[in-house]
N, C-alpha and C. Protein backbone atom coordinates (compact mmCIF):
# COMPACT_ATOMS: atom_id res chain seq x y z
N MET A 1 221.41 113.66 77.48
CA MET A 1 221.01 113.43 76.09
C MET A 1 221.26 112.04 75.66
N ALA A 2 220.12 111.42 74.77
CA ALA A 2 220.54 110.27 74.41
C ALA A 2 219.94 110.33 72.68
N GLU A 3 220.75 109.61 72.11
CA GLU A 3 220.40 109.65 70.45
C GLU A 3 219.40 108.16 70.24
N VAL A 4 218.49 108.40 69.99
CA VAL A 4 217.83 107.03 69.61
C VAL A 4 217.93 106.76 67.85
N GLN A 5 218.28 105.44 67.69
CA GLN A 5 218.72 105.31 66.36
C GLN A 5 218.16 103.93 65.79
N ALA A 6 217.90 103.85 64.61
CA ALA A 6 217.38 102.51 63.98
C ALA A 6 218.39 101.47 64.25
N GLU A 7 217.55 100.41 64.56
CA GLU A 7 218.36 99.03 64.63
C GLU A 7 218.38 98.37 63.29
N MET A 8 217.84 98.65 62.71
CA MET A 8 217.85 98.02 61.26
C MET A 8 216.96 98.79 60.12
N THR A 9 217.51 98.51 58.99
CA THR A 9 216.73 99.06 57.70
C THR A 9 215.32 98.59 57.99
N ALA A 10 214.47 99.71 57.58
CA ALA A 10 212.79 99.91 57.99
C ALA A 10 212.44 100.97 57.44
N SER A 11 210.98 100.79 57.25
CA SER A 11 210.12 102.00 57.09
C SER A 11 209.31 102.90 58.31
N VAL A 12 209.37 103.69 58.34
CA VAL A 12 208.65 104.43 59.48
C VAL A 12 207.24 104.30 59.54
N TRP A 13 206.77 103.56 60.35
CA TRP A 13 205.28 103.40 59.87
C TRP A 13 204.61 104.54 61.02
N GLN A 14 205.03 104.78 61.92
CA GLN A 14 204.35 105.87 62.65
C GLN A 14 205.09 106.18 63.82
N VAL A 15 204.71 107.73 63.73
CA VAL A 15 205.66 108.86 64.80
C VAL A 15 204.54 108.70 66.23
N THR A 16 205.05 108.16 67.16
CA THR A 16 203.91 108.27 68.04
C THR A 16 204.20 109.28 69.36
N VAL A 17 205.21 110.14 68.97
CA VAL A 17 205.58 111.57 69.85
C VAL A 17 205.83 112.54 69.05
N GLY A 18 205.70 113.71 69.84
CA GLY A 18 206.40 114.87 69.12
C GLY A 18 207.22 115.73 70.13
N VAL A 19 207.98 116.85 69.43
CA VAL A 19 209.00 117.28 70.02
C VAL A 19 208.22 118.22 71.18
N GLY A 20 209.05 118.17 72.35
CA GLY A 20 208.49 118.76 73.45
C GLY A 20 207.84 117.54 74.54
N ASP A 21 207.18 116.36 74.07
CA ASP A 21 206.63 115.21 74.95
C ASP A 21 207.60 114.82 75.93
N VAL A 22 207.25 114.45 76.99
CA VAL A 22 207.67 113.91 78.07
C VAL A 22 207.69 112.38 78.19
N VAL A 23 209.02 111.59 77.89
CA VAL A 23 208.56 110.30 77.70
C VAL A 23 209.45 109.46 78.90
N GLY A 24 209.21 108.35 79.12
CA GLY A 24 209.85 107.60 80.28
C GLY A 24 210.51 106.30 79.67
N VAL A 25 211.40 105.78 80.31
CA VAL A 25 212.02 104.32 79.99
C VAL A 25 211.17 103.37 79.33
N GLY A 26 211.10 103.33 78.19
CA GLY A 26 210.63 101.99 77.39
C GLY A 26 208.98 102.48 77.02
N ASP A 27 208.76 103.85 76.73
CA ASP A 27 207.75 104.34 76.14
C ASP A 27 207.95 104.32 74.54
N THR A 28 207.07 103.89 73.84
CA THR A 28 207.22 103.91 72.47
C THR A 28 207.44 105.04 71.53
N LEU A 29 208.17 105.15 70.94
CA LEU A 29 208.54 106.65 70.23
C LEU A 29 207.94 106.44 68.97
N PHE A 30 208.34 105.36 68.21
CA PHE A 30 207.75 105.13 66.75
C PHE A 30 207.46 103.45 66.65
N ILE A 31 207.15 103.29 65.44
CA ILE A 31 206.84 102.00 64.92
C ILE A 31 207.49 101.78 63.54
N LEU A 32 208.25 101.07 63.55
CA LEU A 32 209.00 100.60 62.33
C LEU A 32 208.39 99.66 61.54
N GLU A 33 208.53 99.22 60.27
CA GLU A 33 207.80 98.43 59.44
C GLU A 33 208.94 97.64 58.55
N SER A 34 209.24 96.38 58.67
CA SER A 34 210.02 95.60 58.23
C SER A 34 209.55 94.32 57.60
N MET A 35 209.64 93.90 56.45
CA MET A 35 209.06 92.44 55.95
C MET A 35 208.10 92.28 56.73
N LYS A 36 206.66 93.33 56.84
CA LYS A 36 205.55 92.94 57.17
C LYS A 36 205.36 92.95 58.60
N MET A 37 206.49 93.26 59.29
CA MET A 37 206.63 92.92 60.80
C MET A 37 206.55 94.63 61.31
N GLU A 38 205.76 94.94 62.58
CA GLU A 38 205.71 96.16 63.13
C GLU A 38 206.74 95.98 64.34
N ILE A 39 207.77 96.86 64.17
CA ILE A 39 209.15 97.03 65.41
C ILE A 39 208.80 98.04 66.25
N PRO A 40 208.35 98.18 67.18
CA PRO A 40 208.56 99.19 68.30
C PRO A 40 209.66 99.93 68.60
N VAL A 41 209.90 101.00 68.50
CA VAL A 41 211.64 101.44 68.89
C VAL A 41 211.09 102.31 70.11
N THR A 42 211.77 102.01 71.16
CA THR A 42 211.13 102.38 72.48
C THR A 42 212.50 103.35 73.02
N SER A 43 211.74 104.36 74.08
CA SER A 43 212.87 105.49 74.58
C SER A 43 213.77 104.35 75.54
N PRO A 44 215.59 104.95 75.40
CA PRO A 44 216.22 104.29 76.48
C PRO A 44 216.20 105.00 77.36
N VAL A 45 215.85 106.13 77.57
CA VAL A 45 215.81 106.87 78.94
C VAL A 45 214.55 108.05 79.43
N ALA A 46 214.68 108.17 80.32
CA ALA A 46 213.23 109.20 80.70
C ALA A 46 213.87 110.71 80.03
N GLY A 47 213.12 111.42 79.87
CA GLY A 47 213.06 113.09 79.61
C GLY A 47 212.08 113.41 78.17
N THR A 48 212.68 114.52 77.87
CA THR A 48 211.98 115.24 76.80
C THR A 48 212.22 115.07 75.49
N VAL A 49 211.53 114.95 74.66
CA VAL A 49 211.74 114.83 73.24
C VAL A 49 212.33 115.90 72.51
N ALA A 50 213.73 116.43 72.14
CA ALA A 50 213.87 117.49 71.53
C ALA A 50 213.91 117.64 70.34
N ARG A 51 214.46 116.45 69.70
CA ARG A 51 214.34 116.27 68.12
C ARG A 51 213.76 115.19 67.66
N ILE A 52 213.04 115.13 66.26
CA ILE A 52 212.29 114.06 65.91
C ILE A 52 213.04 114.36 64.43
N ALA A 53 213.91 113.06 64.00
CA ALA A 53 214.90 113.46 62.52
C ALA A 53 214.02 112.76 61.44
N VAL A 54 212.88 112.03 61.66
CA VAL A 54 212.25 111.31 60.46
C VAL A 54 210.72 111.53 60.56
N SER A 55 210.22 111.20 59.38
CA SER A 55 208.73 111.58 59.37
C SER A 55 207.98 110.27 58.85
N GLU A 56 206.86 109.94 59.07
CA GLU A 56 206.10 108.73 58.55
C GLU A 56 206.46 108.39 57.08
N ARG A 57 206.38 107.10 56.87
CA ARG A 57 206.58 106.82 55.51
C ARG A 57 208.23 106.91 55.33
N ASP A 58 209.25 107.44 55.67
CA ASP A 58 210.72 107.71 55.62
C ASP A 58 210.96 106.11 55.62
N ASN A 59 212.21 106.10 54.79
CA ASN A 59 213.01 104.59 55.19
C ASN A 59 214.28 105.36 55.70
N VAL A 60 214.57 104.02 56.69
CA VAL A 60 215.63 104.42 57.45
C VAL A 60 216.84 103.13 57.32
N LEU A 61 218.11 103.33 57.42
CA LEU A 61 219.04 102.39 57.60
C LEU A 61 219.19 102.16 59.09
N ARG A 62 220.09 101.02 59.40
CA ARG A 62 220.19 100.81 60.62
C ARG A 62 221.50 101.90 60.99
N GLY A 63 221.13 102.49 62.28
CA GLY A 63 222.28 103.55 62.84
C GLY A 63 221.56 104.84 62.37
N ASP A 64 220.65 104.98 61.68
CA ASP A 64 220.21 106.34 61.25
C ASP A 64 219.59 107.14 62.66
N LEU A 65 219.70 108.31 62.69
CA LEU A 65 219.33 109.06 63.72
C LEU A 65 217.65 109.11 63.69
N LEU A 66 216.69 108.79 64.65
CA LEU A 66 215.73 108.90 64.59
C LEU A 66 215.00 110.17 65.56
N ALA A 67 215.73 110.20 66.76
CA ALA A 67 214.97 111.36 67.40
C ALA A 67 216.44 111.55 68.87
N VAL A 68 216.12 112.42 69.34
CA VAL A 68 217.08 112.80 70.68
C VAL A 68 216.00 113.03 71.52
N ILE A 69 216.70 112.42 73.04
CA ILE A 69 215.68 112.63 74.01
C ILE A 69 216.75 113.29 74.93
N GLU A 70 216.53 114.58 75.57
CA GLU A 70 217.10 115.34 76.45
C GLU A 70 216.57 115.14 77.89
């Protein structure tokens, strides 16, 4: 199991996966927006998306849980 956390304070611009989706290492899970820049958040492991903890337009802080991959 791997927890995917926000690496910076940002807004969730796009959620590109859903619960139950199978992902590989490096697949884009979210796109965050900070200071007019788009920052992709990728999967650190291969597995299945077990939980998505944020929605589009949510504001997140560094360290906030975004998703859980099993």
